[in-house]
Protein backbone atom coordinates (compact mmCIF):
# COMPACT_ATOMS: atom_id res chain seq x y z
CA MET A 1 28.19 -25.30 14.55
CA LYS A 2 28.57 -24.63 10.82
CA TYR A 3 31.50 -23.67 8.66
CA THR A 4 30.89 -21.97 5.34
CA SER A 5 33.82 -21.93 3.01
CA GLY A 6 35.04 -21.21 -0.46
CA VAL A 7 38.05 -22.80 -2.11
CA GLY A 8 41.01 -22.99 0.20
CA ALA A 9 39.29 -21.49 3.26
CA LEU A 10 40.23 -22.71 6.70
CA LEU A 11 38.23 -25.36 8.49
CA LEU A 12 38.41 -24.26 12.10
CA ALA A 13 37.22 -27.31 14.00
CA VAL A 14 36.16 -30.90 13.55
CA PRO A 15 35.54 -33.81 15.96
CA ALA A 16 38.78 -35.20 17.30
CA ALA A 17 37.82 -38.78 16.47
CA LEU A 18 37.32 -38.05 12.77
CA LEU A 19 40.72 -38.96 11.47
CA MET A 20 43.36 -41.58 12.12
CA VAL A 21 46.51 -40.67 10.25
CA ASN A 22 50.21 -41.27 10.58
CA GLY A 23 51.95 -38.36 12.22
CA ALA A 24 55.43 -37.27 11.24
CA GLY A 25 58.07 -39.71 12.38
CA SER A 26 57.99 -43.03 14.19
CA ARG A 27 55.79 -41.82 17.06
CA GLY A 28 52.83 -41.21 14.74
CA LEU A 29 53.27 -44.55 13.01
CA ALA A 30 53.49 -46.40 16.31
CA ALA A 31 50.34 -44.72 17.59
CA GLN A 32 48.47 -45.62 14.44
CA THR A 33 49.63 -49.22 14.62
CA ALA A 34 48.24 -49.33 18.14
CA GLY A 35 44.85 -48.25 16.78
CA ARG A 36 44.76 -44.83 18.43
CA THR A 37 43.13 -41.79 16.91
CA LEU A 38 45.67 -39.13 16.06
CA THR A 39 44.71 -35.46 16.19
CA THR A 40 48.00 -33.90 15.22
CA ASP A 41 46.65 -32.55 11.95
CA LEU A 42 43.01 -31.56 11.40
CA PRO A 43 41.33 -30.80 8.06
CA SER A 44 42.27 -27.31 6.97
CA LYS A 45 40.73 -26.74 3.55
CA VAL A 46 37.16 -26.90 2.28
CA SER A 47 36.20 -26.19 -1.33
CA ASN A 48 32.76 -25.26 -2.69
CA ARG A 49 30.82 -26.69 0.23
CA GLU A 50 29.54 -25.95 3.72
CA MET A 51 30.75 -28.48 6.27
CA GLN A 52 29.16 -29.61 9.50
CA PRO A 53 30.67 -31.96 12.10
CA LEU A 54 28.65 -35.16 12.30
CA THR A 55 27.96 -37.68 15.04
CA ASP A 56 25.88 -40.75 14.18
CA GLY A 57 26.05 -43.37 16.91
CA SER A 58 29.67 -44.45 17.14
CA ARG A 59 30.55 -42.64 13.94
CA GLN A 60 32.33 -39.32 14.14
CA GLY A 61 32.91 -37.38 10.99
CA LEU A 62 31.61 -34.64 8.77
CA ARG A 63 28.85 -33.83 6.33
CA LEU A 64 29.20 -31.74 3.17
CA ASP A 65 26.15 -30.02 1.73
CA ALA A 66 24.90 -30.15 -1.87
CA ARG A 67 25.85 -27.41 -4.34
CA PRO A 68 26.48 -27.15 -8.08
CA GLY A 69 29.94 -28.35 -9.02
CA ASP A 70 32.37 -30.64 -7.25
CA GLY A 71 33.51 -30.02 -3.70
CA GLY A 72 35.41 -31.51 -0.81
CA ALA A 73 37.35 -31.20 2.42
CA TRP A 74 41.11 -31.69 2.48
CA TRP A 75 43.90 -32.49 4.91
CA PRO A 76 46.81 -30.94 2.98
CA ASP A 77 49.27 -31.53 5.81
CA VAL A 78 48.73 -35.29 5.55
CA GLN A 79 51.01 -36.67 2.86
CA PHE A 80 49.82 -40.07 1.70
CA GLY A 81 51.70 -42.22 -0.78
CA ASP A 82 51.23 -45.99 -0.88
CA GLY A 83 49.04 -47.64 1.71
CA THR A 84 45.40 -48.07 2.65
CA ILE A 85 42.56 -45.59 3.03
CA GLU A 86 39.45 -46.72 4.91
CA LEU A 87 36.32 -44.74 5.65
CA ASP A 88 32.58 -44.92 6.23
CA VAL A 89 30.51 -43.23 3.52
CA ARG A 90 26.83 -42.40 3.21
CA GLY A 91 25.13 -41.01 0.14
CA ASN A 92 21.55 -41.43 -1.02
CA ASP A 93 19.30 -42.93 -3.68
CA LYS A 94 18.55 -39.72 -5.59
CA PRO A 95 19.43 -40.18 -9.28
CA GLN A 96 22.32 -37.98 -10.40
CA GLN A 97 22.53 -36.34 -6.95
CA SER A 98 24.80 -38.66 -5.00
CA PHE A 99 28.48 -38.81 -5.91
CA VAL A 100 30.57 -39.50 -2.79
CA GLY A 101 34.11 -40.65 -2.28
CA VAL A 102 37.69 -40.05 -1.26
CA ALA A 103 40.50 -38.21 -3.03
CA PHE A 104 44.22 -38.78 -2.59
CA HIS A 105 47.56 -37.70 -4.03
CA GLY A 106 46.10 -34.21 -4.20
CA ASP A 107 48.11 -31.05 -4.85
CA ASP A 108 47.63 -27.30 -4.75
CA LYS A 109 46.94 -27.17 -8.51
CA ASN A 110 43.57 -28.95 -8.30
CA GLY A 111 45.14 -32.27 -9.23
CA PHE A 112 44.07 -35.45 -7.47
CA ASP A 113 43.14 -39.08 -7.93
CA ALA A 114 39.83 -40.27 -6.51
CA ILE A 115 37.56 -43.21 -5.95
CA TYR A 116 33.91 -42.29 -5.69
CA PHE A 117 30.58 -44.04 -5.53
CA ARG A 118 27.17 -43.49 -7.09
CA PRO A 119 24.82 -44.99 -4.49
CA PHE A 120 21.76 -44.40 -6.69
CA ASN A 121 23.25 -46.99 -9.05
CA PHE A 122 24.02 -49.64 -6.41
CA ARG A 123 20.72 -51.45 -7.03
CA ALA A 124 19.75 -49.95 -10.37
CA ALA A 125 17.23 -51.81 -12.50
CA THR A 126 19.65 -52.30 -15.41
CA ASP A 127 23.06 -53.91 -15.75
CA VAL A 128 24.36 -50.71 -17.32
CA GLY A 129 23.22 -48.64 -14.35
CA ARG A 130 24.74 -51.02 -11.82
CA SER A 131 28.02 -51.04 -13.76
CA HIS A 132 28.39 -47.33 -12.91
CA SER A 133 28.39 -47.84 -9.14
CA VAL A 134 32.06 -47.16 -8.36
CA GLN A 135 34.38 -44.91 -10.36
CA TYR A 136 38.06 -44.00 -10.57
CA VAL A 137 39.08 -40.57 -11.87
CA SER A 138 42.31 -38.61 -12.08
CA HIS A 139 41.81 -34.86 -12.29
CA PRO A 140 42.31 -32.68 -14.15
CA ALA A 141 43.16 -34.83 -17.16
CA TYR A 142 40.97 -37.92 -16.73
CA THR A 143 37.40 -37.07 -15.83
CA TRP A 144 34.63 -39.69 -15.63
CA ASP A 145 33.13 -38.73 -19.00
CA LYS A 146 36.49 -38.89 -20.78
CA LEU A 147 37.26 -42.29 -19.26
CA ARG A 148 33.80 -43.67 -20.04
CA ALA A 149 34.01 -42.48 -23.64
CA GLU A 150 37.56 -43.68 -24.30
CA SER A 151 37.75 -46.78 -22.05
CA PRO A 152 34.20 -47.95 -21.33
CA GLY A 153 33.94 -50.38 -18.43
CA ARG A 154 37.59 -50.10 -17.46
CA TYR A 155 37.51 -47.45 -14.73
CA GLU A 156 34.05 -48.08 -13.23
CA ALA A 157 32.22 -51.17 -12.08
CA ALA A 158 29.23 -52.71 -10.32
CA ILE A 159 29.27 -53.85 -6.70
CA LEU A 160 28.25 -57.52 -6.61
CA ALA A 161 26.92 -57.29 -3.06
CA PRO A 162 25.53 -53.75 -3.25
CA PRO A 163 24.94 -51.84 0.00
CA ASP A 164 21.72 -50.04 0.82
CA PRO A 165 22.11 -46.79 -1.17
CA ASN A 166 20.76 -44.73 1.73
CA ALA A 167 22.87 -46.34 4.46
CA TRP A 168 26.45 -46.19 5.66
CA PHE A 169 28.94 -48.49 3.99
CA ARG A 170 32.65 -49.08 4.52
CA ALA A 171 35.14 -48.52 1.71
CA ARG A 172 38.78 -49.55 1.62
CA ILE A 173 41.17 -48.32 -1.05
CA GLU A 174 44.54 -50.00 -1.37
CA VAL A 175 47.17 -47.95 -3.19
CA ALA A 176 50.46 -49.46 -4.32
CA TYR A 177 51.49 -47.20 -7.17
CA PRO A 178 50.35 -47.62 -9.85
CA SER A 179 47.85 -50.24 -8.59
CA ILE A 180 44.58 -49.16 -6.96
CA ARG A 181 42.13 -51.69 -5.53
CA VAL A 182 38.74 -50.87 -4.03
CA PHE A 183 36.84 -53.02 -1.51
CA VAL A 184 33.35 -52.45 -0.09
CA ASN A 185 32.17 -53.66 3.32
CA SER A 186 33.40 -57.18 4.06
CA ALA A 187 34.14 -58.19 0.46
CA THR A 188 37.41 -60.08 0.08
CA ALA A 189 37.62 -59.44 -3.67
CA PRO A 190 38.03 -55.92 -5.06
CA VAL A 191 35.01 -54.33 -6.70
CA LEU A 192 37.35 -52.26 -8.86
CA GLU A 193 41.01 -52.63 -9.75
CA VAL A 194 42.78 -50.08 -11.95
CA LYS A 195 46.16 -48.60 -12.76
CA GLN A 196 46.65 -45.03 -11.61
CA LEU A 197 46.67 -42.65 -14.57
CA SER A 198 48.56 -39.76 -12.99
CA ASP A 199 52.23 -39.73 -12.12
CA ARG A 200 51.51 -38.35 -8.63
CA LYS A 201 52.86 -40.77 -6.04
CA THR A 202 52.05 -38.80 -2.91
CA GLY A 203 49.92 -35.87 -1.82
CA TRP A 204 46.91 -34.63 0.11
CA VAL A 205 43.95 -36.68 1.23
CA GLY A 206 40.36 -35.45 1.17
CA VAL A 207 36.71 -36.45 1.04
CA TRP A 208 34.94 -35.57 -2.20
CA VAL A 209 31.43 -34.96 -3.48
CA GLY A 210 30.28 -34.41 -7.04
CA ASN A 211 27.89 -32.03 -8.76
CA ASN A 212 24.75 -31.27 -6.71
CA SER A 213 25.72 -33.90 -4.15
CA ASP A 214 25.91 -33.91 -0.40
CA GLY A 215 27.64 -36.64 1.56
CA ALA A 216 28.55 -37.94 5.01
CA PHE A 217 31.97 -39.32 5.91
CA ALA A 218 33.29 -40.87 9.12
CA ASN A 219 36.11 -42.90 10.64
CA LEU A 220 38.69 -42.08 8.00
CA VAL A 221 41.80 -44.18 8.59
CA ILE A 222 45.02 -43.92 6.64
CA THR A 223 47.63 -46.65 7.00
CA PRO A 224 50.95 -46.12 5.20
CA ALA A 225 52.53 -49.08 3.47
CA LYS A 226 55.25 -50.82 5.44
CA ARG A 227 58.72 -50.13 4.13
């Protein structure tokens, strides 16, 4: 089954096991703590992409196709502030055609913060290429090219134990405003650590793909910070 959508169109269905999120109130938080998948809120917005549900072994998720411009799928009813985002991601090794990641603190004015990966750079032949493996951006004000020009090496980094660029890898993003730390697979040290550039402290969560990129995403888990 396929779903073709423009900006803000409804996503009608998705596998129930795709998303673990905290529901409203203590019941949702308790269920999440117990490790159960919550299906209270399903993704409801897709922008500039066609989405297909995806099953790959034990992974349940979605795939976004490749088109010019950025795109993504959003869960606008899930308000995420501080906490942890974890997900499985799969891109590919095609130069300049694999930009895949997760967006958070999104709003209805096209503002969001994001961590994304360039798998084609994971095992690049040069140090410069590898140093562009993982990127932080804050749209609309702080795009990758602006950050690279004004603060080279500060908002992107290499992955010291790089995954296979064509395979699934696990990403974990820890948000404690304004601190953002990014971990890949079983690494105990962050591959990237930055200060959030926007003043958004809560908002939507989504999966994101860049210009001419497709991407696969599964097992998205959101854990709110303990208060």
